[in-house]
Structure formats: structure tokens, C-alpha cells
Protein backbone atom coordinates (compact mmCIF):
# COMPACT_ATOMS: atom_id res chain seq x y z
CA MET A 1 58.63 33.61 79.67
CA ASN A 2 60.62 31.79 77.02
CA THR A 3 59.85 32.87 73.34
CA HIS A 4 58.33 29.50 72.39
CA LEU A 5 55.81 29.93 75.01
CA ALA A 6 54.60 33.40 73.80
CA GLU A 7 54.75 32.14 70.08
CA LEU A 8 52.27 28.95 70.99
CA GLY A 9 49.92 30.99 73.18
CA ILE A 10 51.00 29.35 76.52
CA SER A 11 50.66 31.80 79.11
CA SER A 12 52.87 32.40 82.27
CA GLU A 13 49.86 32.03 84.46
CA LEU A 14 49.03 28.65 83.24
CA ILE A 15 52.87 27.55 83.85
CA ALA A 16 52.56 29.03 87.38
CA ALA A 17 49.03 27.50 88.10
CA ARG A 18 50.40 23.97 87.25
CA ARG A 19 53.54 24.77 89.25
CA LEU A 20 55.88 23.75 86.61
CA LEU A 21 59.62 24.12 86.77
CA GLU A 22 61.88 24.63 83.80
CA CYS A 23 63.95 21.56 82.87
CA GLU A 24 67.51 22.15 81.55
CA GLU A 25 68.27 20.96 78.15
CA ALA A 26 71.03 18.27 78.31
CA THR A 27 74.03 18.79 76.47
CA ARG A 28 76.05 15.53 77.00
CA LEU A 29 74.05 12.71 75.42
CA GLU A 30 74.89 9.24 74.29
CA VAL A 31 72.91 6.53 72.20
CA ALA A 32 70.90 4.63 74.79
CA GLU A 33 69.28 2.50 72.33
CA VAL A 34 68.74 2.27 68.49
CA GLY A 35 65.03 1.53 67.57
CA VAL A 36 63.99 -1.15 65.13
CA ASP A 37 63.46 1.87 62.73
CA GLY A 38 67.11 2.97 63.13
CA ARG A 39 66.23 5.86 65.28
CA GLU A 40 68.75 6.60 67.86
CA HIS A 41 67.38 7.23 71.33
CA LEU A 42 69.76 9.54 73.38
CA LEU A 43 70.07 9.96 76.97
CA VAL A 44 72.57 11.48 79.58
CA PRO A 45 75.18 8.92 80.45
CA SER A 46 73.75 7.98 83.69
CA ALA A 47 70.23 7.53 82.45
CA SER A 48 71.60 5.47 79.61
CA ALA A 49 73.64 3.15 82.03
CA ALA A 50 70.88 2.78 84.30
CA TRP A 51 68.54 1.96 81.24
CA ARG A 52 70.50 -0.53 80.22
CA SER A 53 70.77 -2.21 83.54
CA LEU A 54 67.20 -2.10 83.96
CA LYS A 55 66.39 -3.46 80.31
CA ALA A 56 68.91 -6.26 80.97
CA ALA A 57 67.28 -7.24 84.42
CA ALA A 58 63.96 -7.18 82.79
CA LEU A 59 64.95 -9.55 80.01
CA VAL A 60 66.30 -11.79 82.53
CA ASP A 61 62.75 -11.97 84.08
CA GLY A 62 61.35 -12.36 80.27
CA ILE A 63 60.20 -8.79 79.96
CA ASP A 64 61.03 -7.14 76.55
CA LEU A 65 61.17 -3.26 76.95
CA PHE A 66 62.04 -0.87 74.49
CA ILE A 67 62.50 2.91 74.10
CA VAL A 68 59.82 4.83 72.00
CA SER A 69 61.17 8.44 72.88
CA ALA A 70 63.86 9.76 74.87
CA PHE A 71 65.80 13.07 74.68
CA ARG A 72 63.68 15.86 72.94
CA SER A 73 65.03 19.37 72.57
CA ILE A 74 63.05 22.44 73.56
CA ASP A 75 62.84 23.34 69.73
CA ARG A 76 61.24 19.79 68.95
CA GLN A 77 58.94 20.19 71.77
CA ALA A 78 57.84 23.42 70.33
CA GLU A 79 57.45 21.93 67.20
CA ILE A 80 55.34 19.04 68.21
CA ILE A 81 53.05 21.37 69.90
CA ARG A 82 52.95 23.72 67.02
CA GLN A 83 51.60 20.82 64.65
CA LYS A 84 48.93 19.98 66.95
CA ILE A 85 47.86 23.66 67.11
CA GLU A 86 47.98 23.69 63.35
CA ALA A 87 45.76 20.65 63.34
CA GLY A 88 43.06 22.44 65.07
CA VAL A 89 43.73 21.15 68.68
CA ALA A 90 43.50 23.50 71.60
CA VAL A 91 46.30 24.37 73.43
CA GLU A 92 44.52 23.44 76.65
CA ASN A 93 44.03 20.03 75.41
CA ILE A 94 47.47 19.65 74.04
CA LEU A 95 48.99 20.41 77.43
CA THR A 96 47.39 17.65 79.08
CA ALA A 97 49.41 15.19 76.99
CA CYS A 98 52.59 17.44 76.15
CA ALA A 99 54.56 19.56 78.43
CA PRO A 100 55.46 23.08 77.36
CA PRO A 101 58.50 23.81 75.78
CA GLY A 102 61.28 24.07 78.22
CA PHE A 103 59.29 22.13 80.76
CA SER A 104 59.50 18.51 79.63
CA GLU A 105 61.55 15.87 81.48
CA HIS A 106 62.54 14.64 77.92
CA HIS A 107 64.78 17.82 77.62
CA THR A 108 66.88 16.63 80.56
CA GLY A 109 67.79 13.55 78.72
CA ARG A 110 66.71 11.30 81.83
CA ALA A 111 63.16 10.53 80.58
CA VAL A 112 62.20 7.55 78.35
CA ASP A 113 58.68 6.72 76.88
CA LEU A 114 58.49 2.86 76.93
CA SER A 115 56.62 -0.03 75.34
CA THR A 116 56.73 -3.77 74.78
CA PRO A 117 55.98 -5.85 72.02
CA GLY A 118 52.28 -6.32 71.34
CA CYS A 119 51.19 -2.99 72.75
CA ARG A 120 50.29 0.15 71.00
CA THR A 121 52.84 2.77 72.07
CA LEU A 122 51.78 5.70 74.19
CA GLU A 123 48.55 4.20 75.05
CA VAL A 124 47.20 3.80 78.81
CA GLU A 125 46.69 0.08 77.72
CA PHE A 126 50.62 -0.34 78.50
CA GLU A 127 49.57 -0.46 82.19
CA GLN A 128 47.74 -3.66 81.68
CA THR A 129 51.00 -5.44 80.46
CA THR A 130 53.40 -7.57 82.22
CA ALA A 131 56.00 -5.07 81.28
CA TYR A 132 54.42 -2.43 83.23
CA ALA A 133 53.82 -4.53 86.37
CA TRP A 134 57.61 -5.32 86.23
CA LEU A 135 58.40 -1.69 85.91
CA ASP A 136 56.21 -0.84 88.74
CA LYS A 137 57.79 -3.26 90.99
CA HIS A 138 61.65 -2.99 89.85
CA ALA A 139 62.07 0.50 88.11
CA ALA A 140 63.25 2.23 91.36
CA GLU A 141 66.01 -0.32 91.80
CA PHE A 142 67.61 1.33 88.81
CA GLY A 143 66.66 4.93 89.82
CA TYR A 144 63.63 5.15 87.45
CA TYR A 145 60.11 6.39 88.54
CA LEU A 146 56.86 6.75 86.90
CA SER A 147 56.63 10.78 86.38
CA TYR A 148 52.72 11.19 85.74
CA PRO A 149 50.69 8.92 87.81
CA ILE A 150 46.95 9.05 88.00
CA GLY A 151 45.87 12.38 89.57
CA ASN A 152 49.41 13.98 89.31
CA SER A 153 49.62 17.68 90.46
CA TRP A 154 50.70 18.98 87.15
CA GLY A 155 47.45 18.41 85.12
CA TYR A 156 49.03 15.81 82.66
CA GLN A 157 46.99 12.68 81.86
CA TYR A 158 48.02 9.49 83.21
CA GLU A 159 51.31 8.10 81.40
CA PRO A 160 52.16 4.61 82.56
CA TRP A 161 54.67 4.45 79.71
CA HIS A 162 56.76 7.69 80.92
CA TRP A 163 59.57 6.86 83.27
CA CYS A 164 62.55 9.25 84.37
CA LEU A 165 65.85 8.74 86.03
CA LYS A 166 65.83 10.34 89.53
CA ASP A 167 68.17 13.44 89.94
CA ASP A 168 69.05 15.83 92.65
CA GLN A 169 67.32 18.53 90.67
CA PRO A 170 63.94 17.67 89.70
CA CYS A 171 62.40 19.80 86.89
CA ASN A 172 58.78 18.84 87.13
CA ALA A 173 57.49 20.66 90.35
CA PRO A 174 58.48 21.13 94.00
CA ASP A 175 56.51 17.93 95.08
CA LEU A 176 58.30 15.42 92.50
CA HIS A 177 59.63 13.43 95.56
CA GLU A 178 56.19 13.12 97.06
CA ASN A 179 54.89 11.83 93.53
CA MET A 180 57.66 9.46 93.29
CA ARG A 181 56.89 7.81 96.78
CA SER A 182 53.14 7.37 95.65
CA SER A 183 54.05 5.98 92.14
CA VAL A 184 56.57 3.42 93.40
CA VAL A 185 54.34 2.04 96.04
């Protein structure tokens, strides 16, 4: 068990029960997009290229998408969870919305949290947007899939904003490809 998990009180039993697999932290990253706030959103080159193609195709169809969050280091993930714990949120509740450090697709540099103008970020209401409908129909053409559909097997809340570039080495769980098929239908 990594030291962050022990420090945060996240047991190896919880990791095993949810069948989470560790996600390797990306080392080769590039700027995929710069947010309106000037923040650089980093992805691995393959995910960055796929993102740019997806975004351009969406724009042709009148859909404006932007990255809210992309690569996140294991240390940053631990910091986010630590802040929530210090704010009084129970670890069990945190882990329905945040992956434990070392287990987030964001570590791989292939995951993006997306939004569209006029929609609050990181909210289920994203599902009601034309942007989500477009992603649901077209994201797979660019290699992206919805990671956490309703009722996903890892115990995460439904995240219609979280999309990840398919890779030969999935990090979430052994049945990732099964979830991919059900989310792209």
C-alpha cells in the first residue's frame, strides 16, 4: 500500500473490495489546452492529439467543449483528499467522488474532466447538455470513453464529465472494457 493511502486512512481492503488497479503516473506530458484562467491542462501526447481532434470535430457541429481538469499527479490527488478530510468530510464519502492517490485515471495523462459554456463544472447537469449528447455519440470515434457511468463497479458517483482515452493498459479495473461498451451504446 502506498504511503499516501496509509496517511489518509485508506485501507488496502477498500482498494481490493472496489477492485481498483493502480494507475501509473505519466511522465511525458504536453499542453493540450490552456484554460480561460491561464491554467495549462496537460495530457500525454496521444490523448492531447485525440482531444484536439475531438474538440475540432465538436466545434464543426456547433459544440463548444473545454477541459476543466486533465493530468493530476499522485501527490496532488493526495492533497485534494487531505483538504477534504481536514474540512470534515468522511473518507468513505470522499472516495465516492475522488479516486484514492495512485488510482486516478488523471494520473495517466489520458483523462479529462469536461464542460461546456453555461453549465456548472463537475455537476451531473452536464448530462443534460448538447455537449454531453455529442460526446455520447462521437467520443468513441476519437478513442475517448465515459469512465464512470451510472452504477459503475468501482463505487464512484456517476461522472458524465469524466472521459478517458482508451489504452491497452487500463488502470481502473479488470472490467474496464465491459464498462466502455455499456457507456458508448
